Amino acid sequence: MLNLLLREVAPGVTLRNLAWRLYQVGAYTPPRSEWEFRTLVALQRRAAESLGAGLSRIVPKMPYSPGNRKIGNVWSFDLPPVLTCPHATFCGRRSFAGFRGPVCYDVNIARYSLAHLLREYINYIHVVKTGYEWLRGWTRFVVEQRGVKTIRLHVGGDIFARWYWEYIKRLAQDFPQTIFYLYTRSFPIVASAPERLRNLKILMSLDATNLASLYRYGEYFDHITYLVVDHNLEIQLRHIAEVTEWAARRGKRFIIFLEHRMRGKLYRMLGPYRRYVCPQEAGEDTTCDKCKLCFT
């Protein structure tokens, strides 16, 4: 991840240099109106162009990302993958059991999209250096000015510290009419202070390497997920059987996700467990905001 941030986007200017410059000039101060937002965008462009011609084209306008064809009208707030994933398993590694490239699809996006990684690193800098009021201010803007009703935290990144977990819980408290949800492998951090409001849904993200955590931490999560990858599938099917039984006994929803590069093959091989696969990954014509399986 550090190598990606150190890519030059202009002669002598790295992506990290650009992110810090935008932070230093206050280009992401939370706006209170659309007029203030337009003023910020102009400041972002000037700051970027002062470092190199054409850099404004990769500068994001705000920390939040609007929905897309996959997730629908769900906005997201992201952090850099790997860097903010203290309990990552094989998902962030460059290779695992013969894989070419990382399993984490956000790492793959960051490799090819400068704007995407820049937004994530800008968010990380501000959360660490500026604190909760910055995050709250931008959340207020997208909720009140853009009408956002559902927010996914961390398409990239994860809960990287206990204090940041407290930020997330405060967001749910301050915006009770907004639904927040996230998938996490930071099980000990959530379990250290699990109390939260009902509009914050936390999904436990299991895979073949952290299954044992289900029995220690599973009770603290709203739903349980499992990432199936194209390696030792027979063993993973036994794991899925365990999780299915455990979740059913406790009345928790169980959702299976598939490694994107092998999605079709893996889906066919799941047999009776196909009914637990995310509807979109199973080929249904839907979006996250229509499905609602993960955050209801």
Foldseek 3Di string as FASTA:
>chain_A
DVVLQQDDPAVVAGLVNLLVQCVVVVLAQQDPDVVVLVVSLVVSQVSLVVVHPPRSVLADSYQKAADDQAAPGEIEHAAAAPVQAPQDDQQQDQDDPHDHGGLLVVVVVSNPRSSSNSSRHSSVCCCVPVHLVSVLSNVCCCCVVVVRAEYEYHNPHAHRDLVVVVSVQVSCVVCVRHAYEYEGCPQVSCVVPLDHDLSYAYEYEAEPPPLVVCVVRVVSHQAYEYEDEDDPVVSVLVSVVVVVVVCVVVVHQYAYEYRVVCLVVSLVPNPPCNVRYDCVSNPDSDHNVVVVPRGD
